[in-house]
N, C-alpha and C. Protein backbone atom coordinates (compact mmCIF):
# COMPACT_ATOMS: atom_id res chain seq x y z
N MET A 1 6.96 -14.04 -4.14
CA MET A 1 7.48 -14.02 -5.87
C MET A 1 7.11 -13.03 -6.65
N LYS A 2 7.95 -12.05 -7.23
CA LYS A 2 7.59 -10.80 -7.16
C LYS A 2 7.28 -11.41 -8.63
N LEU A 3 6.07 -10.50 -9.48
CA LEU A 3 5.59 -10.86 -10.96
C LEU A 3 6.16 -10.01 -11.08
N MET A 4 5.86 -8.54 -10.95
CA MET A 4 6.38 -7.39 -11.58
C MET A 4 7.12 -6.36 -10.96
N HIS A 5 8.41 -5.21 -11.13
CA HIS A 5 8.73 -4.97 -10.57
C HIS A 5 9.23 -3.46 -11.03
N HIS A 6 8.71 -1.91 -10.73
CA HIS A 6 9.42 -1.41 -11.76
C HIS A 6 9.63 0.60 -10.39
N SER A 7 10.05 0.68 -10.70
CA SER A 7 10.69 2.61 -10.34
C SER A 7 11.78 3.08 -11.05
N TRP A 8 10.73 4.45 -10.88
CA TRP A 8 10.71 5.76 -11.44
C TRP A 8 11.31 6.95 -10.56
N LYS A 9 11.82 7.61 -10.68
CA LYS A 9 12.35 8.25 -9.82
C LYS A 9 12.66 9.85 -10.64
N ASN A 10 12.61 10.72 -10.25
CA ASN A 10 12.44 12.00 -10.77
C ASN A 10 13.34 13.28 -9.33
N LYS A 11 14.54 13.52 -9.88
CA LYS A 11 14.71 14.43 -8.11
C LYS A 11 14.48 14.88 -8.35
N GLN A 12 14.27 16.41 -9.84
CA GLN A 12 14.24 17.81 -9.75
C GLN A 12 12.62 17.50 -9.25
N ARG A 13 11.54 16.62 -8.53
CA ARG A 13 9.86 17.27 -8.23
C ARG A 13 10.30 15.93 -7.87
N ASP A 14 10.90 15.56 -7.23
CA ASP A 14 10.93 14.57 -5.74
C ASP A 14 10.28 13.20 -5.32
N ILE A 15 10.06 12.95 -7.17
CA ILE A 15 9.64 11.64 -6.59
C ILE A 15 10.18 10.62 -6.84
N ASP A 16 9.35 10.05 -6.30
CA ASP A 16 10.70 8.55 -5.83
C ASP A 16 9.86 7.41 -5.90
N VAL A 17 9.02 6.22 -6.56
CA VAL A 17 7.97 5.67 -7.13
C VAL A 17 8.24 4.12 -7.36
N THR A 18 7.71 3.15 -6.17
CA THR A 18 8.24 1.99 -6.55
C THR A 18 7.58 0.69 -6.41
N GLN A 19 6.98 0.09 -7.93
CA GLN A 19 5.50 -0.58 -7.57
C GLN A 19 6.13 -2.10 -8.00
N TYR A 20 4.99 -2.72 -7.42
CA TYR A 20 5.48 -4.34 -7.50
C TYR A 20 4.43 -5.11 -7.14
N VAL A 21 4.11 -6.67 -8.31
CA VAL A 21 2.92 -7.07 -7.68
C VAL A 21 3.96 -8.47 -7.73
N TYR A 22 3.27 -8.96 -7.05
CA TYR A 22 3.73 -9.78 -5.86
C TYR A 22 2.25 -11.01 -5.34
N TYR A 23 2.78 -12.63 -4.96
CA TYR A 23 2.00 -13.29 -3.92
C TYR A 23 2.46 -13.06 -3.11
N ILE A 24 1.01 -12.46 -2.30
CA ILE A 24 1.21 -12.79 -1.10
C ILE A 24 0.95 -14.20 -0.37
N ASN A 25 2.16 -14.42 0.83
CA ASN A 25 1.83 -15.51 0.86
C ASN A 25 1.80 -15.53 2.36
N ALA A 26 2.71 -16.26 3.32
CA ALA A 26 3.02 -16.43 4.61
C ALA A 26 3.29 -14.55 5.21
N TYR A 27 2.96 -14.30 6.66
CA TYR A 27 2.94 -13.41 7.08
C TYR A 27 4.03 -12.58 7.10
N HIS A 28 3.93 -11.43 7.08
CA HIS A 28 5.03 -10.66 6.35
C HIS A 28 4.93 -9.17 6.36
N TYR A 29 5.90 -8.83 7.27
CA TYR A 29 5.98 -7.90 8.24
C TYR A 29 7.22 -6.47 7.94
N ASN A 30 6.89 -5.68 7.43
CA ASN A 30 7.41 -5.10 7.19
C ASN A 30 7.09 -3.31 7.56
N TRP A 31 7.93 -2.21 7.45
CA TRP A 31 7.89 -1.06 8.71
C TRP A 31 9.04 -0.22 6.96
N HIS A 32 8.46 1.84 6.53
CA HIS A 32 9.80 2.18 5.82
C HIS A 32 9.02 2.91 5.65
N LYS A 33 9.51 4.41 4.91
CA LYS A 33 10.02 4.92 5.13
C LYS A 33 8.73 5.90 4.38
N ALA A 34 8.05 4.83 2.95
CA ALA A 34 7.43 4.74 2.66
C ALA A 34 5.78 4.81 2.86
N ILE A 35 5.03 5.81 1.50
CA ILE A 35 3.86 5.63 1.29
C ILE A 35 3.58 4.39 1.14
N GLU A 36 2.79 3.93 1.60
CA GLU A 36 2.29 2.61 0.69
C GLU A 36 1.13 1.85 -0.04
N LEU A 37 1.11 1.99 -1.08
CA LEU A 37 -0.44 1.30 -1.53
C LEU A 37 -0.82 0.51 -2.40
N ILE A 38 -2.19 -0.75 -1.66
CA ILE A 38 -1.98 -2.58 -1.40
C ILE A 38 -3.27 -1.73 -2.19
N ILE A 39 -2.79 -3.25 -3.61
CA ILE A 39 -4.42 -3.03 -3.90
C ILE A 39 -4.33 -4.33 -4.74
N VAL A 40 -5.43 -5.19 -3.93
CA VAL A 40 -5.63 -6.39 -3.61
C VAL A 40 -6.05 -7.23 -5.24
N LEU A 41 -5.21 -7.10 -6.34
CA LEU A 41 -5.54 -8.08 -7.98
C LEU A 41 -5.95 -9.32 -8.28
N ARG A 42 -5.95 -10.39 -7.38
CA ARG A 42 -6.55 -11.49 -6.70
C ARG A 42 -6.47 -12.15 -5.43
N GLY A 43 -7.38 -13.15 -4.85
CA GLY A 43 -7.36 -13.58 -3.51
C GLY A 43 -8.15 -12.74 -2.31
N ASN A 44 -7.98 -13.99 -1.32
CA ASN A 44 -7.97 -12.50 -0.36
C ASN A 44 -7.30 -12.58 0.79
N ILE A 45 -6.56 -11.53 1.37
CA ILE A 45 -5.33 -11.30 2.21
C ILE A 45 -5.69 -10.46 3.60
N GLU A 46 -4.81 -10.18 4.26
CA GLU A 46 -5.55 -9.67 5.40
C GLU A 46 -3.98 -9.06 5.43
N VAL A 47 -4.45 -8.15 6.79
CA VAL A 47 -3.66 -7.02 5.74
C VAL A 47 -2.87 -5.89 7.84
N SER A 48 -2.29 -6.05 8.61
CA SER A 48 -2.34 -5.98 10.15
C SER A 48 -1.69 -4.11 9.93
N ILE A 49 -2.10 -3.47 10.47
CA ILE A 49 -1.84 -1.94 11.00
C ILE A 49 -2.65 -1.92 12.43
N ASP A 50 -1.07 -1.43 13.62
CA ASP A 50 -1.16 -1.20 14.75
C ASP A 50 -2.56 -1.48 15.59
N ASN A 51 -2.21 -3.41 15.30
CA ASN A 51 -2.96 -4.05 16.17
C ASN A 51 -5.16 -3.92 15.32
N GLN A 52 -4.60 -3.42 13.60
CA GLN A 52 -5.90 -3.31 13.94
C GLN A 52 -6.17 -4.08 12.15
N HIS A 53 -6.76 -4.92 12.09
CA HIS A 53 -6.78 -6.00 11.02
C HIS A 53 -8.36 -6.22 10.08
N TYR A 54 -7.78 -6.13 8.78
CA TYR A 54 -8.56 -5.71 7.38
C TYR A 54 -8.37 -6.74 6.61
N ILE A 55 -9.25 -7.52 6.14
CA ILE A 55 -9.46 -8.59 5.18
C ILE A 55 -10.09 -7.89 3.98
N LEU A 56 -8.70 -7.97 3.40
CA LEU A 56 -9.04 -7.17 2.23
C LEU A 56 -10.05 -8.08 0.29
N GLU A 57 -10.79 -7.70 -0.24
CA GLU A 57 -10.28 -8.81 -1.20
C GLU A 57 -10.17 -8.05 -2.43
N GLU A 58 -10.37 -8.29 -3.31
CA GLU A 58 -10.71 -9.06 -5.07
C GLU A 58 -10.35 -7.05 -5.17
N ASP A 59 -9.84 -5.98 -5.57
CA ASP A 59 -10.08 -5.25 -5.73
C ASP A 59 -10.02 -3.56 -5.07
N ASP A 60 -9.78 -3.93 -3.30
CA ASP A 60 -9.57 -3.27 -2.83
C ASP A 60 -8.74 -3.34 -2.40
N VAL A 61 -8.83 -1.81 -1.91
CA VAL A 61 -6.90 -0.83 -1.84
C VAL A 61 -7.82 -0.09 -0.24
N ILE A 62 -6.08 0.15 0.06
CA ILE A 62 -5.38 0.33 1.75
C ILE A 62 -4.56 0.98 2.00
N LEU A 63 -4.30 2.29 2.32
CA LEU A 63 -3.02 3.01 1.86
C LEU A 63 -2.81 3.50 3.52
N ILE A 64 -1.46 2.51 3.37
CA ILE A 64 -1.01 2.50 4.72
C ILE A 64 0.72 4.09 4.80
N ASN A 65 0.34 4.45 5.87
CA ASN A 65 1.02 5.35 6.21
C ASN A 65 2.50 5.43 6.25
N PRO A 66 3.33 6.32 6.57
CA PRO A 66 5.31 6.24 6.88
C PRO A 66 4.86 5.92 7.74
N ASN A 67 6.32 5.20 7.79
CA ASN A 67 6.87 5.18 9.60
C ASN A 67 5.74 4.08 9.92
N VAL A 68 4.78 3.18 9.29
CA VAL A 68 4.25 2.71 9.83
C VAL A 68 4.46 0.88 9.66
N GLY A 69 4.19 0.35 11.82
CA GLY A 69 4.72 -0.67 10.70
C GLY A 69 3.76 -1.72 10.32
N HIS A 70 4.18 -2.53 9.36
CA HIS A 70 2.30 -3.32 9.46
C HIS A 70 2.72 -4.65 7.87
N ALA A 71 1.90 -5.72 8.12
CA ALA A 71 2.32 -6.68 7.87
C ALA A 71 0.73 -7.10 7.17
N THR A 72 1.53 -8.18 5.92
CA THR A 72 -0.16 -9.06 4.90
C THR A 72 0.14 -10.68 4.89
N LEU A 73 -1.24 -11.11 4.54
CA LEU A 73 -0.71 -12.14 5.71
C LEU A 73 -2.15 -13.12 3.79
N ALA A 74 -1.37 -13.69 3.18
CA ALA A 74 -3.04 -14.35 2.70
C ALA A 74 -3.74 -15.68 2.79
N LYS A 75 -4.94 -14.98 2.78
CA LYS A 75 -6.26 -15.66 3.97
C LYS A 75 -6.30 -17.12 2.23
N THR A 76 -6.23 -16.92 0.83
CA THR A 76 -6.76 -17.62 0.03
C THR A 76 -5.49 -18.02 -0.15
N PRO A 77 -5.43 -19.19 -1.06
CA PRO A 77 -4.35 -19.25 -1.84
C PRO A 77 -3.99 -18.79 -3.07
N GLU A 78 -3.06 -18.75 -3.74
CA GLU A 78 -2.64 -17.65 -5.03
C GLU A 78 -3.19 -16.08 -4.98
N SER A 79 -2.69 -15.55 -3.98
CA SER A 79 -3.87 -14.25 -3.38
C SER A 79 -3.20 -13.73 -4.78
N VAL A 80 -3.38 -12.01 -4.97
CA VAL A 80 -1.63 -11.01 -5.92
C VAL A 80 -2.40 -10.06 -5.23
N ALA A 81 -1.56 -9.61 -5.02
CA ALA A 81 -1.33 -8.00 -4.58
C ALA A 81 -0.20 -6.80 -5.76
N MET A 82 -1.15 -5.86 -5.78
CA MET A 82 0.32 -4.87 -6.81
C MET A 82 0.28 -4.03 -4.74
N LEU A 83 1.61 -3.46 -5.52
CA LEU A 83 1.64 -2.64 -4.03
C LEU A 83 2.68 -1.42 -4.67
N ILE A 84 2.35 -0.16 -4.84
CA ILE A 84 2.62 1.23 -4.63
C ILE A 84 3.36 1.81 -3.78
N HIS A 85 4.92 1.93 -3.43
CA HIS A 85 5.23 3.18 -2.57
C HIS A 85 5.47 3.95 -3.00
N LEU A 86 5.96 5.64 -2.10
CA LEU A 86 5.29 6.76 -2.96
C LEU A 86 6.83 7.77 -1.70
N ASP A 87 8.18 7.75 -1.78
CA ASP A 87 8.29 8.40 -1.13
C ASP A 87 7.55 10.14 -0.45
N PRO A 88 7.21 9.27 0.41
CA PRO A 88 6.22 11.77 1.05
C PRO A 88 6.70 12.64 1.13
N ILE A 89 8.40 12.33 0.94
CA ILE A 89 8.67 13.56 -0.23
C ILE A 89 8.52 14.77 -0.65
N TYR A 90 7.70 13.95 -1.56
CA TYR A 90 6.74 13.97 -3.05
C TYR A 90 6.01 15.36 -2.55
N PHE A 91 5.20 15.26 -1.66
CA PHE A 91 4.56 16.51 -0.67
C PHE A 91 5.14 17.64 -0.26
N GLN A 92 5.91 17.38 -0.41
CA GLN A 92 6.65 19.01 0.27
C GLN A 92 6.88 19.90 -0.58
N SER A 93 6.61 20.04 -1.14
CA SER A 93 6.41 21.37 -2.30
C SER A 93 4.95 22.26 -2.21
N TYR A 94 4.22 21.19 -1.52
CA TYR A 94 2.71 21.77 -1.14
C TYR A 94 2.24 21.79 -0.12
N TYR A 95 2.72 20.73 1.07
CA TYR A 95 2.79 20.75 2.22
C TYR A 95 4.08 21.32 3.32
N PRO A 96 5.07 22.33 3.87
CA PRO A 96 5.92 23.07 4.04
C PRO A 96 6.08 21.43 5.25
N ASN A 97 4.61 21.18 5.98
CA ASN A 97 5.39 20.18 7.27
C ASN A 97 4.55 19.27 7.09
N TYR A 98 4.95 18.41 6.05
CA TYR A 98 4.37 17.38 4.72
C TYR A 98 4.28 15.95 6.06
N ARG A 99 6.07 16.19 7.06
CA ARG A 99 6.07 14.85 7.11
C ARG A 99 4.57 14.21 8.83
N LEU A 100 3.52 15.73 8.70
CA LEU A 100 2.51 15.31 9.47
C LEU A 100 1.51 14.66 8.73
N LEU A 101 1.91 15.00 7.51
CA LEU A 101 0.19 14.36 6.72
C LEU A 101 0.63 12.98 7.20
N HIS A 102 -1.43 12.91 7.41
CA HIS A 102 -1.46 11.88 7.48
C HIS A 102 -3.09 10.49 7.30
N PHE A 103 -2.61 9.77 6.17
CA PHE A 103 -3.84 9.83 5.36
C PHE A 103 -4.88 8.41 5.57
N THR A 104 -6.29 8.41 5.84
CA THR A 104 -6.93 7.30 5.85
C THR A 104 -7.48 7.19 4.53
N CYS A 105 -7.49 5.06 3.71
CA CYS A 105 -7.95 5.25 3.08
C CYS A 105 -8.14 4.33 2.66
N ILE A 106 -8.81 2.86 3.58
CA ILE A 106 -9.19 1.46 3.48
C ILE A 106 -11.26 1.18 2.71
N SER A 107 -10.77 0.73 1.67
CA SER A 107 -11.53 0.01 0.70
C SER A 107 -12.71 -1.07 1.28
N ASN A 108 -13.42 -1.46 0.85
CA ASN A 108 -14.78 -2.42 1.75
C ASN A 108 -15.15 -3.23 0.83
N SER A 109 -15.71 -3.79 1.28
CA SER A 109 -17.18 -4.57 -0.23
C SER A 109 -18.54 -3.37 -0.21
N LYS A 110 -18.35 -2.64 0.33
CA LYS A 110 -19.37 -1.50 0.67
C LYS A 110 -19.59 -0.38 -0.07
N THR A 111 -17.95 -0.09 -0.63
CA THR A 111 -17.18 1.00 -0.84
C THR A 111 -16.11 1.06 -2.16
N ARG A 112 -16.06 -0.13 -2.47
CA ARG A 112 -14.47 -0.19 -3.24
C ARG A 112 -14.67 -0.48 -4.04
N ASP A 113 -16.07 -0.19 -5.18
CA ASP A 113 -16.70 0.39 -6.39
C ASP A 113 -17.02 1.78 -6.84
N ASP A 114 -16.82 2.52 -5.08
CA ASP A 114 -16.65 4.06 -5.23
C ASP A 114 -16.09 4.95 -6.41
N MET A 115 -16.32 5.93 -6.48
CA MET A 115 -14.80 6.39 -7.76
C MET A 115 -13.92 6.11 -6.41
N ARG A 116 -14.12 7.26 -5.65
CA ARG A 116 -12.10 7.73 -4.90
C ARG A 116 -11.81 6.11 -4.85
N PHE A 117 -12.31 5.13 -5.25
CA PHE A 117 -11.07 4.10 -4.94
C PHE A 117 -10.35 3.58 -6.10
């Protein structure tokens, strides 16, 4: 169930952002062209990406690259996450080969309080 949904587009600047806040429940697999940032607001969730499994706790973040299949699963009841989808075309004006960009961003218990997260 979605608790909040917001979208914003600016075609002149190639910005297309969608934000969701929702309950993470049963196993949910998806795949899309957007970069996805997941921030755990409450509870614990499991995120599976390319046969790698990450357990995220409150305040953890993970970034999922475009066109990568991934799944989420609540590990505790009432787990809530905020997702932000950003169309990677935004990076086109900064990097001509923006489709080759690959990000690695996953926090854990040792790093979640670092300024970079």
